[in-house]
Amino acid sequence: MNVNVRTDTSAAPTSGNRRKKITFAALGTLVVAGAAVALFLPDRKPALSIPDRVCAEAVPSTHVKALLPEKGEPFEEERAVNFTPDVSRGLGMCDLSGGGRIFEIRYSRLQDPQYNREWVRRDASKPGNIPLSLGPAGGYVESHSRVELFVDCPYAKGRTDLLEVSVGIGGVPETVDTTRQAALAGLAADVARVIARQVERCEGAADLPDGAPAIG
C-alpha cells in the first residue's frame, strides 16, 4: 500500500512566526496603553516665568503676560536697544519670545513733515484697520497682530514730528481676536508712555493718560 505523506509545511506556523506575532501584539498593546496614559498625564510643559518689567526693565509686562500662554518655551528677552532713560537715539527696538510666540516692539521719531496727524488718520481709515486713541495720541490696530501708535514729539516749536510706536506679535492664529487687540494696544500704550516721557522726552508726553487706548 502506498501512503502519501504531505511534506509541505508552509501553512504550518513555525515557532519563529509565533514569536513574531506575539512580539507585534505586545508592541501594539504598549502603543495603545501609552496613548491612553498620555491622555491622563498632566501637561509637562514648563510654566512661563515672565519678569514684572521687560525691555531693559523699562516697560511693565502686564500686557505681555496677557498675550502669552501659561506654559511652553521659556520666556526670553532677546534684545532691547535704546530703552534706557535719557538715552535719546530717535529709534529703538525690543524683541521678546516665549510659549511659541514672539514680540517685535519698535519706536522711531519721524521727522519728515509728510508724517503728520492727517497721514495717521488716512492710514487708520484704510480697510482692515481699526482706529485707536490715547488722549492726544492716535493710531490704529492693523490686521490681527499689530498696533501702531503715534505721539506728538516735535524737535522744535512749529514742527509736527511724531513718535511712532509699533507692537507686533507672531505665532498667534490669523483671526481677529478683540482680547488680543486690546492687550496689544495696551502694550503699545505702555511703550509709548515710557519712550515719550523717559527716553525721547517728547513735549506731548505730559498729555498722555494712563490706561489703555480706546479702540474704534
Protein backbone atom coordinates (compact mmCIF):
# COMPACT_ATOMS: atom_id res chain seq x y z
CA MET A 1 0.00 0.00 0.00
CA ASN A 2 1.32 3.41 -0.96
CA VAL A 3 0.87 6.11 1.63
CA ASN A 4 1.22 9.73 0.51
CA VAL A 5 2.82 11.79 3.20
CA ARG A 6 2.44 15.61 2.87
CA THR A 7 5.78 17.26 3.29
CA ASP A 8 4.65 20.89 2.59
CA THR A 9 4.90 22.70 5.93
CA SER A 10 4.47 26.25 4.63
CA ALA A 11 0.98 26.51 6.11
CA ALA A 12 2.01 25.30 9.49
CA PRO A 13 3.10 28.07 11.90
CA THR A 14 6.70 27.80 12.92
CA SER A 15 8.00 28.77 16.32
CA GLY A 16 9.69 31.82 14.72
CA ASN A 17 6.41 33.04 13.22
CA ARG A 18 4.64 32.55 16.51
CA ARG A 19 7.28 34.62 18.29
CA LYS A 20 6.92 37.45 15.73
CA LYS A 21 3.14 37.52 16.14
CA ILE A 22 3.47 37.62 19.90
CA THR A 23 6.06 40.43 19.67
CA PHE A 24 3.92 42.57 17.34
CA ALA A 25 0.87 42.02 19.51
CA ALA A 26 2.81 43.09 22.59
CA LEU A 27 4.11 46.21 20.83
CA GLY A 28 0.60 47.12 19.74
CA THR A 29 -0.63 46.76 23.29
CA LEU A 30 2.17 49.01 24.57
CA VAL A 31 1.41 51.71 21.98
CA VAL A 32 -2.29 51.73 22.86
CA ALA A 33 -1.52 51.73 26.57
CA GLY A 34 1.00 54.56 26.16
CA ALA A 35 -1.50 56.68 24.26
CA ALA A 36 -4.14 56.07 26.91
CA VAL A 37 -1.76 57.04 29.71
CA ALA A 38 -0.69 60.20 27.84
CA LEU A 39 -4.30 61.38 27.78
CA PHE A 40 -4.41 61.41 31.56
CA LEU A 41 -0.90 62.63 32.35
CA PRO A 42 -0.57 66.31 33.32
CA ASP A 43 0.93 68.74 30.78
CA ARG A 44 4.67 68.59 31.39
CA LYS A 45 5.47 71.85 29.58
CA PRO A 46 7.21 74.25 31.98
CA ALA A 47 5.32 77.29 33.22
CA LEU A 48 6.50 80.58 31.76
CA SER A 49 8.39 82.82 34.16
CA ILE A 50 7.99 86.43 33.00
CA PRO A 51 9.61 89.34 34.88
CA ASP A 52 7.50 92.26 36.03
CA ARG A 53 9.28 94.59 33.61
CA VAL A 54 10.69 93.94 30.14
CA CYS A 55 12.75 95.77 27.51
CA ALA A 56 15.71 96.58 29.77
CA GLU A 57 13.27 96.75 32.70
CA ALA A 58 11.69 99.87 31.20
CA VAL A 59 8.21 98.56 30.27
CA PRO A 60 5.62 96.90 32.55
CA SER A 61 4.97 93.31 31.46
CA THR A 62 1.26 93.19 32.35
CA HIS A 63 0.09 93.02 28.74
CA VAL A 64 2.98 90.78 27.68
CA LYS A 65 1.80 88.23 30.23
CA ALA A 66 -1.77 88.54 28.95
CA LEU A 67 -0.62 87.76 25.40
CA LEU A 68 1.49 84.69 26.24
CA PRO A 69 0.32 81.19 27.19
CA GLU A 70 0.87 79.99 30.73
CA LYS A 71 3.19 77.17 29.62
CA GLY A 72 5.60 76.46 26.79
CA GLU A 73 9.01 77.54 25.57
CA PRO A 74 10.86 79.66 28.18
CA PHE A 75 10.45 83.42 28.09
CA GLU A 76 13.42 85.29 26.67
CA GLU A 77 14.29 88.93 26.12
CA GLU A 78 16.39 88.61 23.01
CA ARG A 79 17.43 92.24 22.78
CA ALA A 80 16.49 95.71 23.97
CA VAL A 81 18.10 98.69 22.24
CA ASN A 82 17.71 102.32 23.34
CA PHE A 83 15.15 101.81 26.09
CA THR A 84 17.39 103.35 28.76
CA PRO A 85 16.06 106.64 30.22
CA ASP A 86 17.56 109.81 28.77
CA VAL A 87 19.44 107.94 26.02
CA SER A 88 17.70 109.52 23.04
CA ARG A 89 18.67 107.96 19.72
CA GLY A 90 15.49 108.58 17.75
CA LEU A 91 14.76 104.87 17.39
CA GLY A 92 14.86 101.64 19.36
CA MET A 93 13.75 98.04 19.43
CA CYS A 94 12.88 95.23 21.81
CA ASP A 95 12.38 91.57 20.88
CA LEU A 96 10.72 89.10 23.24
CA SER A 97 9.68 85.46 22.91
CA GLY A 98 8.01 82.74 24.94
CA GLY A 99 5.46 79.96 24.66
CA GLY A 100 5.91 79.77 20.90
CA ARG A 101 5.13 83.46 20.37
CA ILE A 102 7.33 86.42 19.54
CA PHE A 103 7.04 90.17 20.06
CA GLU A 104 8.57 92.86 17.86
CA ILE A 105 8.48 96.24 19.59
CA ARG A 106 9.82 99.24 17.70
CA TYR A 107 9.82 103.01 18.05
CA SER A 108 11.13 105.81 15.86
CA ARG A 109 10.95 109.57 15.77
CA LEU A 110 9.50 110.66 12.40
CA GLN A 111 10.97 113.95 11.20
CA ASP A 112 9.59 114.09 7.66
CA PRO A 113 6.76 116.68 7.51
CA GLN A 114 4.59 114.31 5.47
CA TYR A 115 4.20 112.12 8.56
CA ASN A 116 1.60 114.14 10.41
CA ARG A 117 -1.80 113.70 12.04
CA GLU A 118 -3.62 113.70 8.71
CA TRP A 119 -1.35 110.92 7.45
CA VAL A 120 -2.12 108.88 10.59
CA ARG A 121 -5.87 109.39 10.10
CA ARG A 122 -5.65 108.23 6.48
CA ASP A 123 -3.80 105.07 7.47
CA ALA A 124 -6.25 104.42 10.30
CA SER A 125 -9.17 104.61 7.87
CA LYS A 126 -7.76 102.03 5.44
CA PRO A 127 -9.78 98.80 5.04
CA GLY A 128 -8.95 96.32 7.78
CA ASN A 129 -7.52 98.91 10.17
CA ILE A 130 -9.30 99.98 13.36
CA PRO A 131 -8.62 103.49 14.73
CA LEU A 132 -7.49 103.90 18.33
CA SER A 133 -6.70 106.86 20.57
CA LEU A 134 -4.79 107.54 23.77
CA GLY A 135 -5.56 111.10 24.77
CA PRO A 136 -3.92 113.27 22.09
CA ALA A 137 -2.10 110.26 20.62
CA GLY A 138 -3.68 108.28 17.82
CA GLY A 139 -3.11 105.22 15.71
CA TYR A 140 -4.74 102.01 14.64
CA VAL A 141 -4.94 98.25 15.03
CA GLU A 142 -3.59 96.63 11.87
CA SER A 143 -4.91 93.17 10.97
CA HIS A 144 -4.86 90.62 13.78
CA SER A 145 -1.37 91.06 15.17
CA ARG A 146 -0.05 94.64 15.10
CA VAL A 147 -0.74 98.05 16.64
CA GLU A 148 0.65 101.42 15.52
CA LEU A 149 0.51 104.39 17.91
CA PHE A 150 1.71 107.96 17.23
CA VAL A 151 2.57 110.62 19.82
CA ASP A 152 3.38 114.29 19.18
CA CYS A 153 7.13 114.66 19.62
CA PRO A 154 8.47 117.79 17.83
CA TYR A 155 12.17 118.59 17.85
CA ALA A 156 11.38 122.29 17.86
CA LYS A 157 8.35 124.56 18.09
CA GLY A 158 6.36 124.78 14.90
CA ARG A 159 7.29 121.25 13.81
CA THR A 160 4.90 118.31 13.60
CA ASP A 161 7.29 115.43 14.30
CA LEU A 162 5.70 112.23 15.58
CA LEU A 163 6.96 109.39 17.75
CA GLU A 164 5.85 106.12 16.18
CA VAL A 165 5.44 103.05 18.39
CA SER A 166 4.84 99.71 16.68
CA VAL A 167 4.00 96.49 18.54
CA GLY A 168 3.55 93.19 16.71
CA ILE A 169 3.09 89.60 17.80
CA GLY A 170 3.80 86.37 15.89
CA GLY A 171 2.82 82.77 16.49
CA VAL A 172 -0.87 83.55 17.01
CA PRO A 173 -3.88 82.44 14.93
CA GLU A 174 -4.57 84.63 11.90
CA THR A 175 -8.02 85.54 13.12
CA VAL A 176 -9.46 88.69 14.63
CA ASP A 177 -9.38 88.48 18.42
CA THR A 178 -10.63 91.57 20.25
CA THR A 179 -9.00 90.48 23.51
CA ARG A 180 -5.64 90.19 21.76
CA GLN A 181 -6.15 93.55 20.06
CA ALA A 182 -6.87 95.23 23.39
CA ALA A 183 -3.77 93.70 25.00
CA LEU A 184 -1.55 94.74 22.07
CA ALA A 185 -2.96 98.27 22.25
CA GLY A 186 -2.31 98.31 26.00
CA LEU A 187 1.30 97.21 25.45
CA ALA A 188 1.77 99.89 22.78
CA ALA A 189 0.48 102.49 25.24
CA ASP A 190 2.90 101.28 27.93
CA VAL A 191 5.80 101.55 25.49
CA ALA A 192 4.68 104.98 24.23
CA ARG A 193 4.49 106.41 27.75
CA VAL A 194 7.95 105.13 28.68
CA ILE A 195 9.65 106.30 25.49
CA ALA A 196 7.87 109.66 25.28
CA ARG A 197 8.35 110.52 28.96
CA GLN A 198 11.70 109.00 29.86
CA VAL A 199 13.72 108.42 26.69
CA GLU A 200 12.78 110.93 23.99
CA ARG A 201 11.31 113.49 26.42
CA CYS A 202 8.56 114.47 23.99
CA GLU A 203 6.63 117.66 24.65
CA GLY A 204 3.38 115.75 24.21
CA ALA A 205 4.32 113.14 26.81
CA ALA A 206 2.71 115.01 29.69
CA ASP A 207 -0.67 114.80 27.95
CA LEU A 208 -0.62 111.01 27.59
CA PRO A 209 -3.12 109.47 30.02
CA ASP A 210 -2.51 106.29 31.95
CA GLY A 211 -4.54 103.25 31.00
CA ALA A 212 -5.34 101.56 27.71
CA PRO A 213 -6.20 103.22 24.40
CA ALA A 214 -9.78 103.46 23.18
CA ILE A 215 -10.31 101.22 20.14
CA GLY A 216 -12.85 102.00 17.43
